[in-house]
């Protein structure tokens, strides 16, 4: 599943009782939430991909904007 920035901006905490507006969104697997994730840039697609380090299940694929300048 590819995500864009506006979709990431809408993400909330996984804890339904949490009322904090978190500044950061941490991406972890649903299959093995206690296991680290592998994150890599996939050159052919131009996307950043996160996968479960245990089973390899894809957690998220994030589209990277084209063009622009580095600041």
C-alpha atoms as a PDB file:
ATOM      1  CA  UNK A   1       0.000   0.000   0.000  1.00  0.00           C
ATOM      2  CA  UNK A   2       1.546   3.300  -1.076  1.00  0.00           C
ATOM      3  CA  UNK A   3       1.035   6.327   1.187  1.00  0.00           C
ATOM      4  CA  UNK A   4       1.317  10.029   0.500  1.00  0.00           C
ATOM      5  CA  UNK A   5       2.169  12.777   2.977  1.00  0.00           C
ATOM      6  CA  UNK A   6      -1.425  13.905   3.531  1.00  0.00           C
ATOM      7  CA  UNK A   7      -2.346  10.312   4.456  1.00  0.00           C
ATOM      8  CA  UNK A   8       0.549  10.064   6.934  1.00  0.00           C
ATOM      9  CA  UNK A   9      -0.481  13.421   8.453  1.00  0.00           C
ATOM     10  CA  UNK A  10      -3.915  11.930   9.243  1.00  0.00           C
ATOM     11  CA  UNK A  11      -2.555   8.848  11.050  1.00  0.00           C
ATOM     12  CA  UNK A  12      -3.317   8.560  14.748  1.00  0.00           C
ATOM     13  CA  UNK A  13      -1.897   6.557  17.657  1.00  0.00           C
ATOM     14  CA  UNK A  14      -2.825   2.842  17.697  1.00  0.00           C
ATOM     15  CA  UNK A  15      -3.968   3.160  21.320  1.00  0.00           C
ATOM     16  CA  UNK A  16      -7.697   4.065  21.216  1.00  0.00           C
ATOM     17  CA  UNK A  17      -7.465   5.556  24.735  1.00  0.00           C
ATOM     18  CA  UNK A  18      -4.634   7.930  23.769  1.00  0.00           C
ATOM     19  CA  UNK A  19      -5.637  11.600  23.529  1.00  0.00           C
ATOM     20  CA  UNK A  20      -2.157  12.957  22.730  1.00  0.00           C
ATOM     21  CA  UNK A  21      -1.530  14.646  19.368  1.00  0.00           C
ATOM     22  CA  UNK A  22       1.785  12.928  18.630  1.00  0.00           C
ATOM     23  CA  UNK A  23       4.380  14.822  16.584  1.00  0.00           C
ATOM     24  CA  UNK A  24       5.833  11.592  15.186  1.00  0.00           C
ATOM     25  CA  UNK A  25       4.218   8.531  13.665  1.00  0.00           C
ATOM     26  CA  UNK A  26       6.136   5.289  14.198  1.00  0.00           C
ATOM     27  CA  UNK A  27       5.535   2.571  11.645  1.00  0.00           C
ATOM     28  CA  UNK A  28       5.602  -0.994  12.938  1.00  0.00           C
ATOM     29  CA  UNK A  29       4.201  -4.274  11.712  1.00  0.00           C
ATOM     30  CA  UNK A  30       0.840  -5.658  12.735  1.00  0.00           C
ATOM     31  CA  UNK A  31       2.155  -9.201  12.289  1.00  0.00           C
ATOM     32  CA  UNK A  32       5.061  -8.866  14.765  1.00  0.00           C
ATOM     33  CA  UNK A  33       4.856  -5.425  16.482  1.00  0.00           C
ATOM     34  CA  UNK A  34       7.736  -6.230  18.852  1.00  0.00           C
ATOM     35  CA  UNK A  35      10.158  -7.016  15.985  1.00  0.00           C
ATOM     36  CA  UNK A  36      12.242  -4.311  14.230  1.00  0.00           C
ATOM     37  CA  UNK A  37      11.490  -3.300  10.659  1.00  0.00           C
ATOM     38  CA  UNK A  38      13.709  -3.038   7.599  1.00  0.00           C
ATOM     39  CA  UNK A  39      13.340   0.248   5.718  1.00  0.00           C
ATOM     40  CA  UNK A  40      14.816   0.768   2.269  1.00  0.00           C
ATOM     41  CA  UNK A  41      14.555   2.999  -0.790  1.00  0.00           C
ATOM     42  CA  UNK A  42      13.415   1.026  -3.842  1.00  0.00           C
ATOM     43  CA  UNK A  43      15.074   2.670  -6.853  1.00  0.00           C
ATOM     44  CA  UNK A  44      12.857   1.122  -9.567  1.00  0.00           C
ATOM     45  CA  UNK A  45       9.631   2.415  -7.936  1.00  0.00           C
ATOM     46  CA  UNK A  46      11.075   5.524  -6.275  1.00  0.00           C
ATOM     47  CA  UNK A  47       9.364   4.581  -3.013  1.00  0.00           C
ATOM     48  CA  UNK A  48      10.488   3.975   0.558  1.00  0.00           C
ATOM     49  CA  UNK A  49       9.403   0.537   1.794  1.00  0.00           C
ATOM     50  CA  UNK A  50       9.174  -0.806   5.360  1.00  0.00           C
ATOM     51  CA  UNK A  51       8.986  -4.561   5.965  1.00  0.00           C
ATOM     52  CA  UNK A  52       8.762  -6.777   9.048  1.00  0.00           C
ATOM     53  CA  UNK A  53      12.270  -7.993   9.879  1.00  0.00           C
ATOM     54  CA  UNK A  54      10.930 -11.404  10.927  1.00  0.00           C
ATOM     55  CA  UNK A  55       8.541 -12.470   8.176  1.00  0.00           C
ATOM     56  CA  UNK A  56       9.147  -9.895   5.426  1.00  0.00           C
ATOM     57  CA  UNK A  57       5.519  -8.706   5.318  1.00  0.00           C
ATOM     58  CA  UNK A  58       5.285  -5.219   3.837  1.00  0.00           C
ATOM     59  CA  UNK A  59       4.177  -2.643   6.401  1.00  0.00           C
ATOM     60  CA  UNK A  60       4.024   0.421   4.186  1.00  0.00           C
ATOM     61  CA  UNK A  61       5.276   1.841   0.908  1.00  0.00           C
ATOM     62  CA  UNK A  62       5.753   5.627   0.928  1.00  0.00           C
ATOM     63  CA  UNK A  63       5.791   7.610  -2.309  1.00  0.00           C
ATOM     64  CA  UNK A  64       8.716  10.017  -2.599  1.00  0.00           C
ATOM     65  CA  UNK A  65       8.081  13.334  -4.342  1.00  0.00           C
ATOM     66  CA  UNK A  66       9.968  13.982  -7.545  1.00  0.00           C
ATOM     67  CA  UNK A  67      11.987  17.099  -8.283  1.00  0.00           C
ATOM     68  CA  UNK A  68      12.523  19.986  -5.924  1.00  0.00           C
ATOM     69  CA  UNK A  69      15.717  21.123  -4.284  1.00  0.00           C
ATOM     70  CA  UNK A  70      17.599  20.019  -1.198  1.00  0.00           C
ATOM     71  CA  UNK A  71      17.497  22.575   1.595  1.00  0.00           C
END
